[in-house]
Amino acid sequence: AESALAITHLQKELVHIGQLRDEEAATSAESLAVTEAARGASVYECDQLTAVVAQQTAKAADLESTITEMSATVETLQMEVASLEATVTEFKTEFTKAQVTITTAEGDA
């Protein structure tokens, strides 16, 4: 009778151990699924960030190109201004010569 009781007790323990193993397996599977989902989300986020970085890099390259073009335009305009300043100086010189000539002619007259 005692051994039958012990066997029954052991059977109950084995059933309980089986239940615990099933619960552990289910928890492990759920945990793995959550981990895989999180990893998938992280990969997606990483892909999104990579795309954003690529867009920003392209924008930076466009801006750099625009800045280069604008710098060339500024240099051209600076040369044109220098040329105009030289022309103005020439005109001022010619105007001063003309004034001197007029003044001299008036004095001679």
C-alpha atoms as a PDB file:
ATOM      1  CA  ALA A   1       0.000   0.000   0.000  1.00  0.00           C
ATOM      2  CA  GLU A   2       2.856   2.346   0.837  1.00  0.00           C
ATOM      3  CA  SER A   3       4.621   1.633  -2.402  1.00  0.00           C
ATOM      4  CA  ALA A   4       1.384   2.169  -4.353  1.00  0.00           C
ATOM      5  CA  LEU A   5       1.003   5.481  -2.561  1.00  0.00           C
ATOM      6  CA  ALA A   6       4.642   6.364  -3.339  1.00  0.00           C
ATOM      7  CA  ILE A   7       4.173   5.399  -6.990  1.00  0.00           C
ATOM      8  CA  THR A   8       1.025   7.542  -7.197  1.00  0.00           C
ATOM      9  CA  HIS A   9       2.923  10.408  -5.594  1.00  0.00           C
ATOM     10  CA  LEU A  10       5.799   9.982  -8.066  1.00  0.00           C
ATOM     11  CA  GLN A  11       3.368   9.874 -10.979  1.00  0.00           C
ATOM     12  CA  LYS A  12       1.799  13.123  -9.781  1.00  0.00           C
ATOM     13  CA  GLU A  13       5.278  14.651  -9.482  1.00  0.00           C
ATOM     14  CA  LEU A  14       6.153  13.485 -13.003  1.00  0.00           C
ATOM     15  CA  VAL A  15       2.916  14.994 -14.351  1.00  0.00           C
ATOM     16  CA  HIS A  16       3.725  18.239 -12.500  1.00  0.00           C
ATOM     17  CA  ILE A  17       7.294  18.204 -13.886  1.00  0.00           C
ATOM     18  CA  GLY A  18       5.843  17.647 -17.389  1.00  0.00           C
ATOM     19  CA  GLN A  19       3.508  20.601 -16.917  1.00  0.00           C
ATOM     20  CA  LEU A  20       6.416  22.765 -15.747  1.00  0.00           C
ATOM     21  CA  ARG A  21       8.437  21.721 -18.803  1.00  0.00           C
ATOM     22  CA  ASP A  22       5.506  22.550 -21.101  1.00  0.00           C
ATOM     23  CA  GLU A  23       5.114  25.955 -19.438  1.00  0.00           C
ATOM     24  CA  GLU A  24       8.850  26.589 -19.727  1.00  0.00           C
ATOM     25  CA  ALA A  25       8.828  25.584 -23.399  1.00  0.00           C
ATOM     26  CA  ALA A  26       5.845  27.869 -24.057  1.00  0.00           C
ATOM     27  CA  THR A  27       7.528  30.725 -22.196  1.00  0.00           C
ATOM     28  CA  SER A  28      10.763  30.127 -24.105  1.00  0.00           C
ATOM     29  CA  ALA A  29       8.908  30.065 -27.418  1.00  0.00           C
ATOM     30  CA  GLU A  30       7.048  33.259 -26.507  1.00  0.00           C
ATOM     31  CA  SER A  31      10.270  34.903 -25.391  1.00  0.00           C
ATOM     32  CA  LEU A  32      11.966  33.850 -28.633  1.00  0.00           C
ATOM     33  CA  ALA A  33       9.051  35.233 -30.652  1.00  0.00           C
ATOM     34  CA  VAL A  34       9.250  38.541 -28.787  1.00  0.00           C
ATOM     35  CA  THR A  35      13.030  38.635 -29.304  1.00  0.00           C
ATOM     36  CA  GLU A  36      12.643  37.905 -33.023  1.00  0.00           C
ATOM     37  CA  ALA A  37       9.968  40.595 -33.345  1.00  0.00           C
ATOM     38  CA  ALA A  38      12.200  43.097 -31.556  1.00  0.00           C
ATOM     39  CA  ARG A  39      15.123  42.147 -33.777  1.00  0.00           C
ATOM     40  CA  GLY A  40      12.930  42.532 -36.853  1.00  0.00           C
ATOM     41  CA  ALA A  41      11.826  45.958 -35.642  1.00  0.00           C
ATOM     42  CA  SER A  42      15.437  46.914 -34.994  1.00  0.00           C
ATOM     43  CA  VAL A  43      16.462  45.799 -38.486  1.00  0.00           C
ATOM     44  CA  TYR A  44      13.558  47.807 -39.938  1.00  0.00           C
ATOM     45  CA  GLU A  45      14.532  50.878 -37.896  1.00  0.00           C
ATOM     46  CA  CYS A  46      18.156  50.448 -38.960  1.00  0.00           C
ATOM     47  CA  ASP A  47      17.070  50.264 -42.610  1.00  0.00           C
ATOM     48  CA  GLN A  48      14.962  53.393 -42.129  1.00  0.00           C
ATOM     49  CA  LEU A  49      17.876  55.245 -40.528  1.00  0.00           C
ATOM     50  CA  THR A  50      20.183  54.114 -43.324  1.00  0.00           C
ATOM     51  CA  ALA A  51      17.718  55.512 -45.863  1.00  0.00           C
ATOM     52  CA  VAL A  52      17.520  58.821 -43.965  1.00  0.00           C
ATOM     53  CA  VAL A  53      21.320  59.032 -43.814  1.00  0.00           C
ATOM     54  CA  ALA A  54      21.496  58.380 -47.568  1.00  0.00           C
ATOM     55  CA  GLN A  55      18.930  61.151 -48.196  1.00  0.00           C
ATOM     56  CA  GLN A  56      20.793  63.597 -45.965  1.00  0.00           C
ATOM     57  CA  THR A  57      24.102  62.695 -47.646  1.00  0.00           C
ATOM     58  CA  ALA A  58      22.558  63.377 -51.060  1.00  0.00           C
ATOM     59  CA  LYS A  59      21.169  66.701 -49.808  1.00  0.00           C
ATOM     60  CA  ALA A  60      24.577  67.623 -48.405  1.00  0.00           C
ATOM     61  CA  ALA A  61      26.196  66.829 -51.768  1.00  0.00           C
ATOM     62  CA  ASP A  62      23.592  68.996 -53.541  1.00  0.00           C
ATOM     63  CA  LEU A  63      24.212  71.844 -51.111  1.00  0.00           C
ATOM     64  CA  GLU A  64      27.954  71.512 -51.552  1.00  0.00           C
ATOM     65  CA  SER A  65      27.502  71.701 -55.327  1.00  0.00           C
ATOM     66  CA  THR A  66      25.264  74.760 -54.953  1.00  0.00           C
ATOM     67  CA  ILE A  67      27.808  76.430 -52.680  1.00  0.00           C
ATOM     68  CA  THR A  68      30.564  75.748 -55.220  1.00  0.00           C
ATOM     69  CA  GLU A  69      28.447  77.272 -57.994  1.00  0.00           C
ATOM     70  CA  MET A  70      27.641  80.294 -55.842  1.00  0.00           C
ATOM     71  CA  SER A  71      31.306  80.758 -54.959  1.00  0.00           C
ATOM     72  CA  ALA A  72      32.178  80.793 -58.659  1.00  0.00           C
ATOM     73  CA  THR A  73      29.409  83.335 -59.274  1.00  0.00           C
ATOM     74  CA  VAL A  74      30.699  85.517 -56.439  1.00  0.00           C
ATOM     75  CA  GLU A  75      34.219  85.385 -57.888  1.00  0.00           C
ATOM     76  CA  THR A  76      32.871  86.379 -61.314  1.00  0.00           C
ATOM     77  CA  LEU A  77      30.910  89.255 -59.796  1.00  0.00           C
ATOM     78  CA  GLN A  78      33.969  90.404 -57.851  1.00  0.00           C
ATOM     79  CA  MET A  79      35.994  90.499 -61.069  1.00  0.00           C
ATOM     80  CA  GLU A  80      33.201  92.457 -62.796  1.00  0.00           C
ATOM     81  CA  VAL A  81      33.087  94.935 -59.884  1.00  0.00           C
ATOM     82  CA  ALA A  82      36.872  95.365 -60.058  1.00  0.00           C
ATOM     83  CA  SER A  83      36.589  95.993 -63.801  1.00  0.00           C
ATOM     84  CA  LEU A  84      33.807  98.539 -63.259  1.00  0.00           C
ATOM     85  CA  GLU A  85      35.848 100.257 -60.553  1.00  0.00           C
ATOM     86  CA  ALA A  86      38.789 100.509 -62.980  1.00  0.00           C
ATOM     87  CA  THR A  87      36.480 101.974 -65.641  1.00  0.00           C
ATOM     88  CA  VAL A  88      35.117 104.512 -63.141  1.00  0.00           C
ATOM     89  CA  THR A  89      38.683 105.477 -62.192  1.00  0.00           C
ATOM     90  CA  GLU A  90      39.528 105.938 -65.902  1.00  0.00           C
ATOM     91  CA  PHE A  91      36.477 108.119 -66.415  1.00  0.00           C
ATOM     92  CA  LYS A  92      37.367 110.179 -63.343  1.00  0.00           C
ATOM     93  CA  THR A  93      40.889 110.650 -64.702  1.00  0.00           C
ATOM     94  CA  GLU A  94      39.581 111.640 -68.147  1.00  0.00           C
ATOM     95  CA  PHE A  95      37.039 113.956 -66.540  1.00  0.00           C
ATOM     96  CA  THR A  96      39.755 115.624 -64.436  1.00  0.00           C
ATOM     97  CA  LYS A  97      41.939 116.050 -67.572  1.00  0.00           C
ATOM     98  CA  ALA A  98      38.977 117.556 -69.400  1.00  0.00           C
ATOM     99  CA  GLN A  99      38.356 119.964 -66.514  1.00  0.00           C
ATOM    100  CA  VAL A 100      42.013 120.993 -66.528  1.00  0.00           C
ATOM    101  CA  THR A 101      41.861 121.502 -70.300  1.00  0.00           C
ATOM    102  CA  ILE A 102      38.691 123.599 -69.975  1.00  0.00           C
ATOM    103  CA  THR A 103      40.152 125.625 -67.120  1.00  0.00           C
ATOM    104  CA  THR A 104      43.365 126.217 -69.093  1.00  0.00           C
ATOM    105  CA  ALA A 105      41.397 127.194 -72.194  1.00  0.00           C
ATOM    106  CA  GLU A 106      39.276 129.605 -70.183  1.00  0.00           C
ATOM    107  CA  GLY A 107      42.431 131.111 -68.679  1.00  0.00           C
ATOM    108  CA  ASP A 108      43.982 131.512 -72.144  1.00  0.00           C
ATOM    109  CA  ALA A 109      40.834 133.095 -73.508  1.00  0.00           C
END
